[in-house]
Amino acid sequence: QLQLVESGGGLVQVGGSLRLSCAASGFTLDYYAIAWFRQAPGKEREGVSCISSSGGNTNYADSVKGRFTISRDNAKNTVYLQMNSLKPEDTAVYYCATASQVFRRCLLSPSRDVYWGQGTQVTVSS
């Protein structure tokens, strides 16, 4: 079965940190750009960050630039999202998914034949 599985979410205080993981099973991530998305209650899904298949290109939403860092370890078939200086507005369910990629640059949009994870809850308390 082909799937992505997120982990690492939880409850953290303002200013704290979390690291989310996105692990693939049933397929290798080597050939895929991967993106993190989030959705808060009553809001539309938002692209947060993406990383190209090679890892050489990353992209961030303005709301998380300078605070979040995306990385990948293809040997572990896993993509990570390090989240620092968390704010209450970062509270959401975070999803990883295969992402679109053009000329080795990733986009904050799902790929055409997208794989989604089930999501992990991140709650930032003030």
PDB file of N, CA and C in Angstrom:
ATOM      1  N   GLN A   1       0.846  -1.193   0.000  1.00  0.00           N
ATOM      2  CA  GLN A   1       0.000   0.000   0.000  1.00  0.00           C
ATOM      3  C   GLN A   1       0.881   1.243   0.000  1.00  0.00           C
ATOM      4  N   LEU A   2       0.580   2.178  -0.897  1.00  0.00           N
ATOM      5  CA  LEU A   2       1.362   3.392  -1.019  1.00  0.00           C
ATOM      6  C   LEU A   2       0.777   4.444  -0.094  1.00  0.00           C
ATOM      7  N   GLN A   3       1.593   4.971   0.813  1.00  0.00           N
ATOM      8  CA  GLN A   3       1.068   5.986   1.708  1.00  0.00           C
ATOM      9  C   GLN A   3       2.169   6.850   2.300  1.00  0.00           C
ATOM     10  N   LEU A   4       1.745   8.022   2.752  1.00  0.00           N
ATOM     11  CA  LEU A   4       2.587   8.924   3.517  1.00  0.00           C
ATOM     12  C   LEU A   4       2.032   8.978   4.932  1.00  0.00           C
ATOM     13  N   VAL A   5       2.921   8.991   5.892  1.00  0.00           N
ATOM     14  CA  VAL A   5       2.504   9.008   7.290  1.00  0.00           C
ATOM     15  C   VAL A   5       3.223  10.133   8.008  1.00  0.00           C
ATOM     16  N   GLU A   6       2.431  11.070   8.554  1.00  0.00           N
ATOM     17  CA  GLU A   6       2.999  12.168   9.313  1.00  0.00           C
ATOM     18  C   GLU A   6       3.080  11.809  10.791  1.00  0.00           C
ATOM     19  N   SER A   7       4.034  12.410  11.466  1.00  0.00           N
ATOM     20  CA  SER A   7       4.158  12.264  12.915  1.00  0.00           C
ATOM     21  C   SER A   7       4.859  13.485  13.459  1.00  0.00           C
ATOM     22  N   GLY A   8       4.816  13.643  14.788  1.00  0.00           N
ATOM     23  CA  GLY A   8       5.545  14.715  15.436  1.00  0.00           C
ATOM     24  C   GLY A   8       4.699  15.880  15.901  1.00  0.00           C
ATOM     25  N   GLY A   9       3.420  15.862  15.588  1.00  0.00           N
ATOM     26  CA  GLY A   9       2.562  16.934  16.046  1.00  0.00           C
ATOM     27  C   GLY A   9       2.332  16.858  17.548  1.00  0.00           C
ATOM     28  N   GLY A  10       1.693  17.895  18.077  1.00  0.00           N
ATOM     29  CA  GLY A  10       1.407  17.911  19.498  1.00  0.00           C
ATOM     30  C   GLY A  10       1.033  19.290  19.977  1.00  0.00           C
ATOM     31  N   LEU A  11       1.036  19.430  21.295  1.00  0.00           N
ATOM     32  CA  LEU A  11       0.710  20.697  21.949  1.00  0.00           C
ATOM     33  C   LEU A  11       1.998  21.355  22.414  1.00  0.00           C
ATOM     34  N   VAL A  12       2.169  22.615  22.063  1.00  0.00           N
ATOM     35  CA  VAL A  12       3.380  23.345  22.423  1.00  0.00           C
ATOM     36  C   VAL A  12       3.003  24.777  22.769  1.00  0.00           C
ATOM     37  N   GLN A  13       3.799  25.401  23.614  1.00  0.00           N
ATOM     38  CA  GLN A  13       3.540  26.780  23.979  1.00  0.00           C
ATOM     39  C   GLN A  13       4.092  27.734  22.929  1.00  0.00           C
ATOM     40  N   VAL A  14       3.587  28.944  22.960  1.00  0.00           N
ATOM     41  CA  VAL A  14       4.075  29.979  22.043  1.00  0.00           C
ATOM     42  C   VAL A  14       5.598  30.102  22.180  1.00  0.00           C
ATOM     43  N   GLY A  15       6.260  30.164  21.038  1.00  0.00           N
ATOM     44  CA  GLY A  15       7.707  30.267  21.022  1.00  0.00           C
ATOM     45  C   GLY A  15       8.421  28.938  21.018  1.00  0.00           C
ATOM     46  N   GLY A  16       7.674  27.872  21.189  1.00  0.00           N
ATOM     47  CA  GLY A  16       8.270  26.544  21.220  1.00  0.00           C
ATOM     48  C   GLY A  16       8.553  25.993  19.832  1.00  0.00           C
ATOM     49  N   SER A  17       9.025  24.749  19.811  1.00  0.00           N
ATOM     50  CA  SER A  17       9.410  24.102  18.558  1.00  0.00           C
ATOM     51  C   SER A  17       8.819  22.702  18.466  1.00  0.00           C
ATOM     52  N   LEU A  18       8.615  22.280  17.247  1.00  0.00           N
ATOM     53  CA  LEU A  18       8.228  20.907  16.942  1.00  0.00           C
ATOM     54  C   LEU A  18       8.912  20.514  15.636  1.00  0.00           C
ATOM     55  N   ARG A  19       9.158  19.218  15.485  1.00  0.00           N
ATOM     56  CA  ARG A  19       9.632  18.704  14.211  1.00  0.00           C
ATOM     57  C   ARG A  19       8.662  17.652  13.708  1.00  0.00           C
ATOM     58  N   LEU A  20       8.093  17.920  12.557  1.00  0.00           N
ATOM     59  CA  LEU A  20       7.195  16.972  11.920  1.00  0.00           C
ATOM     60  C   LEU A  20       7.982  16.086  10.967  1.00  0.00           C
ATOM     61  N   SER A  21       7.542  14.841  10.872  1.00  0.00           N
ATOM     62  CA  SER A  21       8.138  13.886   9.942  1.00  0.00           C
ATOM     63  C   SER A  21       7.079  13.384   8.984  1.00  0.00           C
ATOM     64  N   CYS A  22       7.496  13.116   7.774  1.00  0.00           N
ATOM     65  CA  CYS A  22       6.624  12.560   6.741  1.00  0.00           C
ATOM     66  C   CYS A  22       7.354  11.370   6.142  1.00  0.00           C
ATOM     67  N   ALA A  23       6.907  10.198   6.486  1.00  0.00           N
ATOM     68  CA  ALA A  23       7.564   8.974   6.042  1.00  0.00           C
ATOM     69  C   ALA A  23       6.726   8.294   4.969  1.00  0.00           C
ATOM     70  N   ALA A  24       7.403   7.813   3.949  1.00  0.00           N
ATOM     71  CA  ALA A  24       6.717   7.114   2.864  1.00  0.00           C
ATOM     72  C   ALA A  24       6.838   5.609   3.050  1.00  0.00           C
ATOM     73  N   SER A  25       5.782   4.924   2.716  1.00  0.00           N
ATOM     74  CA  SER A  25       5.838   3.462   2.691  1.00  0.00           C
ATOM     75  C   SER A  25       5.219   2.971   1.402  1.00  0.00           C
ATOM     76  N   GLY A  26       5.822   1.932   0.846  1.00  0.00           N
ATOM     77  CA  GLY A  26       5.313   1.382  -0.394  1.00  0.00           C
ATOM     78  C   GLY A  26       5.876   2.035  -1.636  1.00  0.00           C
ATOM     79  N   PHE A  27       6.602   3.130  -1.477  1.00  0.00           N
ATOM     80  CA  PHE A  27       7.245   3.772  -2.618  1.00  0.00           C
ATOM     81  C   PHE A  27       8.405   4.616  -2.101  1.00  0.00           C
ATOM     82  N   THR A  28       9.294   5.001  -2.996  1.00  0.00           N
ATOM     83  CA  THR A  28      10.434   5.813  -2.609  1.00  0.00           C
ATOM     84  C   THR A  28      10.150   7.274  -2.902  1.00  0.00           C
ATOM     85  N   LEU A  29      10.599   8.115  -1.983  1.00  0.00           N
ATOM     86  CA  LEU A  29      10.375   9.553  -2.149  1.00  0.00           C
ATOM     87  C   LEU A  29      11.386  10.211  -3.081  1.00  0.00           C
ATOM     88  N   ASP A  30      12.405   9.464  -3.481  1.00  0.00           N
ATOM     89  CA  ASP A  30      13.522  10.064  -4.222  1.00  0.00           C
ATOM     90  C   ASP A  30      13.086  10.888  -5.424  1.00  0.00           C
ATOM     91  N   TYR A  31      12.017  10.455  -6.087  1.00  0.00           N
ATOM     92  CA  TYR A  31      11.636  11.101  -7.336  1.00  0.00           C
ATOM     93  C   TYR A  31      10.537  12.139  -7.173  1.00  0.00           C
ATOM     94  N   TYR A  32      10.182  12.422  -5.922  1.00  0.00           N
ATOM     95  CA  TYR A  32       9.049  13.308  -5.675  1.00  0.00           C
ATOM     96  C   TYR A  32       9.461  14.570  -4.941  1.00  0.00           C
ATOM     97  N   ALA A  33       8.921  15.698  -5.406  1.00  0.00           N
ATOM     98  CA  ALA A  33       8.911  16.877  -4.547  1.00  0.00           C
ATOM     99  C   ALA A  33       7.841  16.636  -3.486  1.00  0.00           C
ATOM    100  N   ILE A  34       8.091  17.149  -2.293  1.00  0.00           N
ATOM    101  CA  ILE A  34       7.164  16.969  -1.183  1.00  0.00           C
ATOM    102  C   ILE A  34       6.826  18.327  -0.593  1.00  0.00           C
ATOM    103  N   ALA A  35       5.581  18.491  -0.244  1.00  0.00           N
ATOM    104  CA  ALA A  35       5.135  19.747   0.369  1.00  0.00           C
ATOM    105  C   ALA A  35       4.392  19.459   1.661  1.00  0.00           C
ATOM    106  N   TRP A  36       4.440  20.433   2.538  1.00  0.00           N
ATOM    107  CA  TRP A  36       3.617  20.439   3.733  1.00  0.00           C
ATOM    108  C   TRP A  36       2.499  21.464   3.542  1.00  0.00           C
ATOM    109  N   PHE A  37       1.303  21.036   3.913  1.00  0.00           N
ATOM    110  CA  PHE A  37       0.140  21.902   3.886  1.00  0.00           C
ATOM    111  C   PHE A  37      -0.449  21.926   5.289  1.00  0.00           C
ATOM    112  N   ARG A  38      -1.270  22.905   5.556  1.00  0.00           N
ATOM    113  CA  ARG A  38      -1.961  22.929   6.839  1.00  0.00           C
ATOM    114  C   ARG A  38      -3.373  23.477   6.638  1.00  0.00           C
ATOM    115  N   GLN A  39      -4.238  23.069   7.530  1.00  0.00           N
ATOM    116  CA  GLN A  39      -5.606  23.555   7.481  1.00  0.00           C
ATOM    117  C   GLN A  39      -6.115  23.752   8.897  1.00  0.00           C
ATOM    118  N   ALA A  40      -6.477  24.980   9.183  1.00  0.00           N
ATOM    119  CA  ALA A  40      -7.055  25.319  10.477  1.00  0.00           C
ATOM    120  C   ALA A  40      -8.578  25.274  10.343  1.00  0.00           C
ATOM    121  N   PRO A  41      -9.281  25.077  11.452  1.00  0.00           N
ATOM    122  CA  PRO A  41     -10.744  25.025  11.396  1.00  0.00           C
ATOM    123  C   PRO A  41     -11.330  26.280  10.761  1.00  0.00           C
ATOM    124  N   GLY A  42     -12.219  26.069   9.806  1.00  0.00           N
ATOM    125  CA  GLY A  42     -12.883  27.183   9.152  1.00  0.00           C
ATOM    126  C   GLY A  42     -12.053  27.930   8.128  1.00  0.00           C
ATOM    127  N   LYS A  43     -10.843  27.444   7.874  1.00  0.00           N
ATOM    128  CA  LYS A  43      -9.960  28.114   6.905  1.00  0.00           C
ATOM    129  C   LYS A  43      -9.624  27.182   5.752  1.00  0.00           C
ATOM    130  N   GLU A  44      -9.202  27.774   4.665  1.00  0.00           N
ATOM    131  CA  GLU A  44      -8.784  26.980   3.511  1.00  0.00           C
ATOM    132  C   GLU A  44      -7.406  26.361   3.767  1.00  0.00           C
ATOM    133  N   ARG A  45      -7.169  25.290   3.062  1.00  0.00           N
ATOM    134  CA  ARG A  45      -5.853  24.663   3.142  1.00  0.00           C
ATOM    135  C   ARG A  45      -4.785  25.620   2.624  1.00  0.00           C
ATOM    136  N   GLU A  46      -3.651  25.637   3.293  1.00  0.00           N
ATOM    137  CA  GLU A  46      -2.555  26.560   2.954  1.00  0.00           C
ATOM    138  C   GLU A  46      -1.278  25.772   2.707  1.00  0.00           C
ATOM    139  N   GLY A  47      -0.596  26.073   1.639  1.00  0.00           N
ATOM    140  CA  GLY A  47       0.721  25.492   1.392  1.00  0.00           C
ATOM    141  C   GLY A  47       1.729  26.149   2.312  1.00  0.00           C
ATOM    142  N   VAL A  48       2.507  25.365   3.025  1.00  0.00           N
ATOM    143  CA  VAL A  48       3.436  25.890   4.018  1.00  0.00           C
ATOM    144  C   VAL A  48       4.874  25.891   3.499  1.00  0.00           C
ATOM    145  N   SER A  49       5.288  24.746   2.951  1.00  0.00           N
ATOM    146  CA  SER A  49       6.664  24.623   2.494  1.00  0.00           C
ATOM    147  C   SER A  49       6.764  23.444   1.546  1.00  0.00           C
ATOM    148  N   CYS A  50       7.763  23.497   0.675  1.00  0.00           N
ATOM    149  CA  CYS A  50       8.007  22.358  -0.209  1.00  0.00           C
ATOM    150  C   CYS A  50       9.501  22.192  -0.415  1.00  0.00           C
ATOM    151  N   ILE A  51       9.873  20.997  -0.861  1.00  0.00           N
ATOM    152  CA  ILE A  51      11.259  20.691  -1.158  1.00  0.00           C
ATOM    153  C   ILE A  51      11.287  19.872  -2.428  1.00  0.00           C
ATOM    154  N   SER A  52      12.216  20.193  -3.312  1.00  0.00           N
ATOM    155  CA  SER A  52      12.307  19.495  -4.587  1.00  0.00           C
ATOM    156  C   SER A  52      12.796  18.065  -4.380  1.00  0.00           C
ATOM    157  N   SER A  53      12.679  17.261  -5.414  1.00  0.00           N
ATOM    158  CA  SER A  53      13.069  15.856  -5.310  1.00  0.00           C
ATOM    159  C   SER A  53      14.550  15.705  -4.973  1.00  0.00           C
ATOM    160  N   SER A  54      15.364  16.610  -5.473  1.00  0.00           N
ATOM    161  CA  SER A  54      16.802  16.548  -5.197  1.00  0.00           C
ATOM    162  C   SER A  54      17.155  17.151  -3.837  1.00  0.00           C
ATOM    163  N   GLY A  55      16.236  17.938  -3.303  1.00  0.00           N
ATOM    164  CA  GLY A  55      16.528  18.662  -2.071  1.00  0.00           C
ATOM    165  C   GLY A  55      17.213  19.989  -2.310  1.00  0.00           C
ATOM    166  N   GLY A  56      17.487  20.294  -3.583  1.00  0.00           N
ATOM    167  CA  GLY A  56      18.233  21.501  -3.889  1.00  0.00           C
ATOM    168  C   GLY A  56      17.414  22.772  -3.919  1.00  0.00           C
ATOM    169  N   ASN A  57      16.115  22.644  -3.913  1.00  0.00           N
ATOM    170  CA  ASN A  57      15.233  23.810  -3.926  1.00  0.00           C
ATOM    171  C   ASN A  57      14.183  23.674  -2.835  1.00  0.00           C
ATOM    172  N   THR A  58      13.974  24.748  -2.106  1.00  0.00           N
ATOM    173  CA  THR A  58      12.917  24.792  -1.103  1.00  0.00           C
ATOM    174  C   THR A  58      12.105  26.063  -1.284  1.00  0.00           C
ATOM    175  N   ASN A  59      10.917  26.045  -0.754  1.00  0.00           N
ATOM    176  CA  ASN A  59      10.019  27.179  -0.893  1.00  0.00           C
ATOM    177  C   ASN A  59       9.180  27.268   0.378  1.00  0.00           C
ATOM    178  N   TYR A  60       8.872  28.502   0.795  1.00  0.00           N
ATOM    179  CA  TYR A  60       8.124  28.701   2.032  1.00  0.00           C
ATOM    180  C   TYR A  60       7.042  29.749   1.838  1.00  0.00           C
ATOM    181  N   ALA A  61       5.943  29.543   2.524  1.00  0.00           N
ATOM    182  CA  ALA A  61       4.931  30.589   2.606  1.00  0.00           C
ATOM    183  C   ALA A  61       5.503  31.762   3.403  1.00  0.00           C
ATOM    184  N   ASP A  62       5.066  32.954   3.068  1.00  0.00           N
ATOM    185  CA  ASP A  62       5.573  34.144   3.768  1.00  0.00           C
ATOM    186  C   ASP A  62       5.336  34.050   5.268  1.00  0.00           C
ATOM    187  N   SER A  63       4.245  33.409   5.649  1.00  0.00           N
ATOM    188  CA  SER A  63       3.866  33.356   7.065  1.00  0.00           C
ATOM    189  C   SER A  63       4.824  32.522   7.908  1.00  0.00           C
ATOM    190  N   VAL A  64       5.656  31.685   7.273  1.00  0.00           N
ATOM    191  CA  VAL A  64       6.548  30.815   8.041  1.00  0.00           C
ATOM    192  C   VAL A  64       8.024  31.031   7.713  1.00  0.00           C
ATOM    193  N   LYS A  65       8.318  31.906   6.775  1.00  0.00           N
ATOM    194  CA  LYS A  65       9.719  32.150   6.403  1.00  0.00           C
ATOM    195  C   LYS A  65      10.525  32.597   7.608  1.00  0.00           C
ATOM    196  N   GLY A  66      11.696  32.009   7.744  1.00  0.00           N
ATOM    197  CA  GLY A  66      12.566  32.352   8.851  1.00  0.00           C
ATOM    198  C   GLY A  66      12.287  31.584  10.120  1.00  0.00           C
ATOM    199  N   ARG A  67      11.165  30.864  10.158  1.00  0.00           N
ATOM    200  CA  ARG A  67      10.803  30.089  11.350  1.00  0.00           C
ATOM    201  C   ARG A  67      10.775  28.587  11.074  1.00  0.00           C
ATOM    202  N   PHE A  68      10.379  28.202   9.886  1.00  0.00           N
ATOM    203  CA  PHE A  68      10.254  26.791   9.518  1.00  0.00           C
ATOM    204  C   PHE A  68      11.377  26.417   8.549  1.00  0.00           C
ATOM    205  N   THR A  69      11.821  25.173   8.668  1.00  0.00           N
ATOM    206  CA  THR A  69      12.833  24.653   7.757  1.00  0.00           C
ATOM    207  C   THR A  69      12.431  23.261   7.299  1.00  0.00           C
ATOM    208  N   ILE A  70      12.397  23.073   5.997  1.00  0.00           N
ATOM    209  CA  ILE A  70      12.070  21.762   5.434  1.00  0.00           C
ATOM    210  C   ILE A  70      13.365  21.077   5.012  1.00  0.00           C
ATOM    211  N   SER A  71      13.409  19.770   5.182  1.00  0.00           N
ATOM    212  CA  SER A  71      14.584  19.007   4.770  1.00  0.00           C
ATOM    213  C   SER A  71      14.135  17.598   4.417  1.00  0.00           C
ATOM    214  N   ARG A  72      15.035  16.860   3.815  1.00  0.00           N
ATOM    215  CA  ARG A  72      14.695  15.489   3.458  1.00  0.00           C
ATOM    216  C   ARG A  72      15.902  14.594   3.642  1.00  0.00           C
ATOM    217  N   ASP A  73      15.617  13.346   3.970  1.00  0.00           N
ATOM    218  CA  ASP A  73      16.644  12.317   4.087  1.00  0.00           C
ATOM    219  C   ASP A  73      16.155  11.155   3.232  1.00  0.00           C
ATOM    220  N   ASN A  74      16.612  11.105   2.008  1.00  0.00           N
ATOM    221  CA  ASN A  74      16.115  10.069   1.093  1.00  0.00           C
ATOM    222  C   ASN A  74      16.522   8.670   1.550  1.00  0.00           C
ATOM    223  N   ALA A  75      17.615   8.562   2.255  1.00  0.00           N
ATOM    224  CA  ALA A  75      18.029   7.254   2.760  1.00  0.00           C
ATOM    225  C   ALA A  75      17.006   6.708   3.758  1.00  0.00           C
ATOM    226  N   LYS A  76      16.339   7.628   4.462  1.00  0.00           N
ATOM    227  CA  LYS A  76      15.309   7.230   5.424  1.00  0.00           C
ATOM    228  C   LYS A  76      13.908   7.364   4.832  1.00  0.00           C
ATOM    229  N   ASN A  77      13.865   7.790   3.554  1.00  0.00           N
ATOM    230  CA  ASN A  77      12.564   7.938   2.889  1.00  0.00           C
ATOM    231  C   ASN A  77      11.629   8.853   3.664  1.00  0.00           C
ATOM    232  N   THR A  78      12.198   9.944   4.178  1.00  0.00           N
ATOM    233  CA  THR A  78      11.466  10.819   5.085  1.00  0.00           C
ATOM    234  C   THR A  78      11.762  12.286   4.784  1.00  0.00           C
ATOM    235  N   VAL A  79      10.725  13.101   4.925  1.00  0.00           N
ATOM    236  CA  VAL A  79      10.856  14.551   4.837  1.00  0.00           C
ATOM    237  C   VAL A  79      10.483  15.136   6.192  1.00  0.00           C
ATOM    238  N   TYR A  80      11.189  16.193   6.571  1.00  0.00           N
ATOM    239  CA  TYR A  80      10.981  16.798   7.882  1.00  0.00           C
ATOM    240  C   TYR A  80      10.556  18.263   7.738  1.00  0.00           C
ATOM    241  N   LEU A  81       9.839  18.727   8.735  1.00  0.00           N
ATOM    242  CA  LEU A  81       9.524  20.154   8.839  1.00  0.00           C
ATOM    243  C   LEU A  81       9.852  20.586  10.265  1.00  0.00           C
ATOM    244  N   GLN A  82      10.943  21.328  10.399  1.00  0.00           N
ATOM    245  CA  GLN A  82      11.328  21.876  11.685  1.00  0.00           C
ATOM    246  C   GLN A  82      10.613  23.206  11.869  1.00  0.00           C
ATOM    247  N   MET A  83       9.849  23.296  12.943  1.00  0.00           N
ATOM    248  CA  MET A  83       9.042  24.494  13.183  1.00  0.00           C
ATOM    249  C   MET A  83       9.515  25.147  14.482  1.00  0.00           C
ATOM    250  N   ASN A  84      10.033  26.348  14.364  1.00  0.00           N
ATOM    251  CA  ASN A  84      10.521  27.102  15.520  1.00  0.00           C
ATOM    252  C   ASN A  84       9.693  28.364  15.716  1.00  0.00           C
ATOM    253  N   SER A  85       9.827  28.954  16.882  1.00  0.00           N
ATOM    254  CA  SER A  85       9.126  30.211  17.192  1.00  0.00           C
ATOM    255  C   SER A  85       7.645  30.113  16.848  1.00  0.00           C
ATOM    256  N   LEU A  86       7.033  29.060  17.300  1.00  0.00           N
ATOM    257  CA  LEU A  86       5.636  28.802  16.934  1.00  0.00           C
ATOM    258  C   LEU A  86       4.699  29.849  17.517  1.00  0.00           C
ATOM    259  N   LYS A  87       3.663  30.136  16.745  1.00  0.00           N
ATOM    260  CA  LYS A  87       2.659  31.136  17.100  1.00  0.00           C
ATOM    261  C   LYS A  87       1.285  30.474  17.166  1.00  0.00           C
ATOM    262  N   PRO A  88       0.344  31.076  17.868  1.00  0.00           N
ATOM    263  CA  PRO A  88      -1.006  30.498  17.904  1.00  0.00           C
ATOM    264  C   PRO A  88      -1.609  30.315  16.523  1.00  0.00           C
ATOM    265  N   GLU A  89      -1.279  31.199  15.600  1.00  0.00           N
ATOM    266  CA  GLU A  89      -1.828  31.082  14.245  1.00  0.00           C
ATOM    267  C   GLU A  89      -1.222  29.929  13.449  1.00  0.00           C
ATOM    268  N   ASP A  90      -0.234  29.251  14.005  1.00  0.00           N
ATOM    269  CA  ASP A  90       0.301  28.044  13.367  1.00  0.00           C
ATOM    270  C   ASP A  90      -0.534  26.813  13.712  1.00  0.00           C
ATOM    271  N   THR A  91      -1.484  26.960  14.617  1.00  0.00           N
ATOM    272  CA  THR A  91      -2.338  25.840  15.002  1.00  0.00           C
ATOM    273  C   THR A  91      -3.156  25.363  13.808  1.00  0.00           C
ATOM    274  N   ALA A  92      -3.036  24.078  13.507  1.00  0.00           N
ATOM    275  CA  ALA A  92      -3.711  23.494  12.343  1.00  0.00           C
ATOM    276  C   ALA A  92      -3.406  22.003  12.296  1.00  0.00           C
ATOM    277  N   VAL A  93      -4.099  21.327  11.396  1.00  0.00           N
ATOM    278  CA  VAL A  93      -3.697  19.974  11.027  1.00  0.00           C
ATOM    279  C   VAL A  93      -2.707  20.107   9.877  1.00  0.00           C
ATOM    280  N   TYR A  94      -1.573  19.476  10.022  1.00  0.00           N
ATOM    281  CA  TYR A  94      -0.514  19.539   9.021  1.00  0.00           C
ATOM    282  C   TYR A  94      -0.493  18.242   8.209  1.00  0.00           C
ATOM    283  N   TYR A  95      -0.451  18.410   6.915  1.00  0.00           N
ATOM    284  CA  TYR A  95      -0.427  17.278   5.996  1.00  0.00           C
ATOM    285  C   TYR A  95       0.815  17.356   5.116  1.00  0.00           C
ATOM    286  N   CYS A  96       1.385  16.213   4.811  1.00  0.00           N
ATOM    287  CA  CYS A  96       2.403  16.191   3.764  1.00  0.00           C
ATOM    288  C   CYS A  96       1.790  15.537   2.522  1.00  0.00           C
ATOM    289  N   ALA A  97       2.337  15.896   1.391  1.00  0.00           N
ATOM    290  CA  ALA A  97       1.818  15.383   0.122  1.00  0.00           C
ATOM    291  C   ALA A  97       2.895  15.503  -0.938  1.00  0.00           C
ATOM    292  N   THR A  98       2.777  14.680  -1.956  1.00  0.00           N
ATOM    293  CA  THR A  98       3.645  14.861  -3.110  1.00  0.00           C
ATOM    294  C   THR A  98       3.256  16.173  -3.794  1.00  0.00           C
ATOM    295  N   ALA A  99       4.254  16.887  -4.259  1.00  0.00           N
ATOM    296  CA  ALA A  99       4.052  18.253  -4.744  1.00  0.00           C
ATOM    297  C   ALA A  99       4.425  18.385  -6.208  1.00  0.00           C
ATOM    298  N   SER A 100       3.910  19.443  -6.814  1.00  0.00           N
ATOM    299  CA  SER A 100       4.279  19.768  -8.184  1.00  0.00           C
ATOM    300  C   SER A 100       5.709  20.274  -8.228  1.00  0.00           C
ATOM    301  N   GLN A 101       6.348  20.021  -9.356  1.00  0.00           N
ATOM    302  CA  GLN A 101       7.736  20.459  -9.531  1.00  0.00           C
ATOM    303  C   GLN A 101       7.925  20.836 -10.981  1.00  0.00           C
ATOM    304  N   VAL A 102       8.531  21.991 -11.220  1.00  0.00           N
ATOM    305  CA  VAL A 102       8.781  22.477 -12.565  1.00  0.00           C
ATOM    306  C   VAL A 102      10.243  22.874 -12.661  1.00  0.00           C
ATOM    307  N   PHE A 103      10.946  22.278 -13.604  1.00  0.00           N
ATOM    308  CA  PHE A 103      12.367  22.598 -13.812  1.00  0.00           C
ATOM    309  C   PHE A 103      13.142  22.557 -12.493  1.00  0.00           C
ATOM    310  N   ARG A 104      12.929  21.499 -11.722  1.00  0.00           N
ATOM    311  CA  ARG A 104      13.640  21.231 -10.476  1.00  0.00           C
ATOM    312  C   ARG A 104      13.267  22.194  -9.355  1.00  0.00           C
ATOM    313  N   ARG A 105      12.231  22.986  -9.546  1.00  0.00           N
ATOM    314  CA  ARG A 105      11.752  23.881  -8.498  1.00  0.00           C
ATOM    315  C   ARG A 105      10.387  23.381  -8.020  1.00  0.00           C
ATOM    316  N   CYS A 106      10.256  23.243  -6.725  1.00  0.00           N
ATOM    317  CA  CYS A 106       8.992  22.750  -6.184  1.00  0.00           C
ATOM    318  C   CYS A 106       7.971  23.877  -6.091  1.00  0.00           C
ATOM    319  N   LEU A 107       6.730  23.482  -6.098  1.00  0.00           N
ATOM    320  CA  LEU A 107       5.620  24.432  -5.978  1.00  0.00           C
ATOM    321  C   LEU A 107       4.770  24.067  -4.769  1.00  0.00           C
ATOM    322  N   LEU A 108       4.146  25.066  -4.189  1.00  0.00           N
ATOM    323  CA  LEU A 108       3.289  24.828  -3.032  1.00  0.00           C
ATOM    324  C   LEU A 108       1.898  24.396  -3.499  1.00  0.00           C
ATOM    325  N   SER A 109       1.887  23.334  -4.281  1.00  0.00           N
ATOM    326  CA  SER A 109       0.625  22.778  -4.758  1.00  0.00           C
ATOM    327  C   SER A 109       0.781  21.273  -4.892  1.00  0.00           C
ATOM    328  N   PRO A 110      -0.301  20.530  -4.714  1.00  0.00           N
ATOM    329  CA  PRO A 110      -0.210  19.083  -4.814  1.00  0.00           C
ATOM    330  C   PRO A 110       0.137  18.643  -6.236  1.00  0.00           C
ATOM    331  N   SER A 111       0.808  17.533  -6.347  1.00  0.00           N
ATOM    332  CA  SER A 111       1.107  16.986  -7.659  1.00  0.00           C
ATOM    333  C   SER A 111      -0.162  16.451  -8.304  1.00  0.00           C
ATOM    334  N   ARG A 112      -0.058  16.210  -9.607  1.00  0.00           N
ATOM    335  CA  ARG A 112      -1.246  15.762 -10.343  1.00  0.00           C
ATOM    336  C   ARG A 112      -1.783  14.442  -9.793  1.00  0.00           C
ATOM    337  N   ASP A 113      -0.932  13.492  -9.602  1.00  0.00           N
ATOM    338  CA  ASP A 113      -1.336  12.206  -9.007  1.00  0.00           C
ATOM    339  C   ASP A 113      -0.809  12.200  -7.581  1.00  0.00           C
ATOM    340  N   VAL A 114      -1.531  12.893  -6.727  1.00  0.00           N
ATOM    341  CA  VAL A 114      -1.015  13.214  -5.404  1.00  0.00           C
ATOM    342  C   VAL A 114      -1.228  12.074  -4.410  1.00  0.00           C
ATOM    343  N   TYR A 115      -0.239  11.901  -3.554  1.00  0.00           N
ATOM    344  CA  TYR A 115      -0.382  11.086  -2.355  1.00  0.00           C
ATOM    345  C   TYR A 115      -0.455  12.038  -1.166  1.00  0.00           C
ATOM    346  N   TRP A 116      -1.428  11.813  -0.294  1.00  0.00           N
ATOM    347  CA  TRP A 116      -1.602  12.611   0.909  1.00  0.00           C
ATOM    348  C   TRP A 116      -1.354  11.744   2.139  1.00  0.00           C
ATOM    349  N   GLY A 117      -0.839  12.379   3.188  1.00  0.00           N
ATOM    350  CA  GLY A 117      -0.813  11.734   4.476  1.00  0.00           C
ATOM    351  C   GLY A 117      -2.133  11.970   5.195  1.00  0.00           C
ATOM    352  N   GLN A 118      -2.258  11.393   6.374  1.00  0.00           N
ATOM    353  CA  GLN A 118      -3.514  11.486   7.122  1.00  0.00           C
ATOM    354  C   GLN A 118      -3.579  12.732   7.992  1.00  0.00           C
ATOM    355  N   GLY A 119      -2.448  13.395   8.166  1.00  0.00           N
ATOM    356  CA  GLY A 119      -2.416  14.631   8.937  1.00  0.00           C
ATOM    357  C   GLY A 119      -1.979  14.433  10.378  1.00  0.00           C
ATOM    358  N   THR A 120      -1.388  15.481  10.935  1.00  0.00           N
ATOM    359  CA  THR A 120      -1.001  15.484  12.339  1.00  0.00           C
ATOM    360  C   THR A 120      -1.355  16.842  12.936  1.00  0.00           C
ATOM    361  N   GLN A 121      -1.941  16.835  14.115  1.00  0.00           N
ATOM    362  CA  GLN A 121      -2.436  18.066  14.737  1.00  0.00           C
ATOM    363  C   GLN A 121      -1.289  18.799  15.425  1.00  0.00           C
ATOM    364  N   VAL A 122      -1.204  20.085  15.155  1.00  0.00           N
ATOM    365  CA  VAL A 122      -0.276  20.971  15.855  1.00  0.00           C
ATOM    366  C   VAL A 122      -1.109  22.036  16.554  1.00  0.00           C
ATOM    367  N   THR A 123      -0.939  22.154  17.852  1.00  0.00           N
ATOM    368  CA  THR A 123      -1.661  23.149  18.628  1.00  0.00           C
ATOM    369  C   THR A 123      -0.668  23.996  19.405  1.00  0.00           C
ATOM    370  N   VAL A 124      -0.744  25.308  19.199  1.00  0.00           N
ATOM    371  CA  VAL A 124       0.155  26.231  19.875  1.00  0.00           C
ATOM    372  C   VAL A 124      -0.674  27.036  20.860  1.00  0.00           C
ATOM    373  N   SER A 125      -0.360  26.907  22.130  1.00  0.00           N
ATOM    374  CA  SER A 125      -1.138  27.580  23.170  1.00  0.00           C
ATOM    375  C   SER A 125      -0.447  28.863  23.612  1.00  0.00           C
ATOM    376  N   SER A 126      -1.259  29.867  23.886  1.00  0.00           N
ATOM    377  CA  SER A 126      -0.716  31.169  24.312  1.00  0.00           C
ATOM    378  C   SER A 126      -0.794  31.314  25.822  1.00  0.00           C
TER     379      SER A 126
END
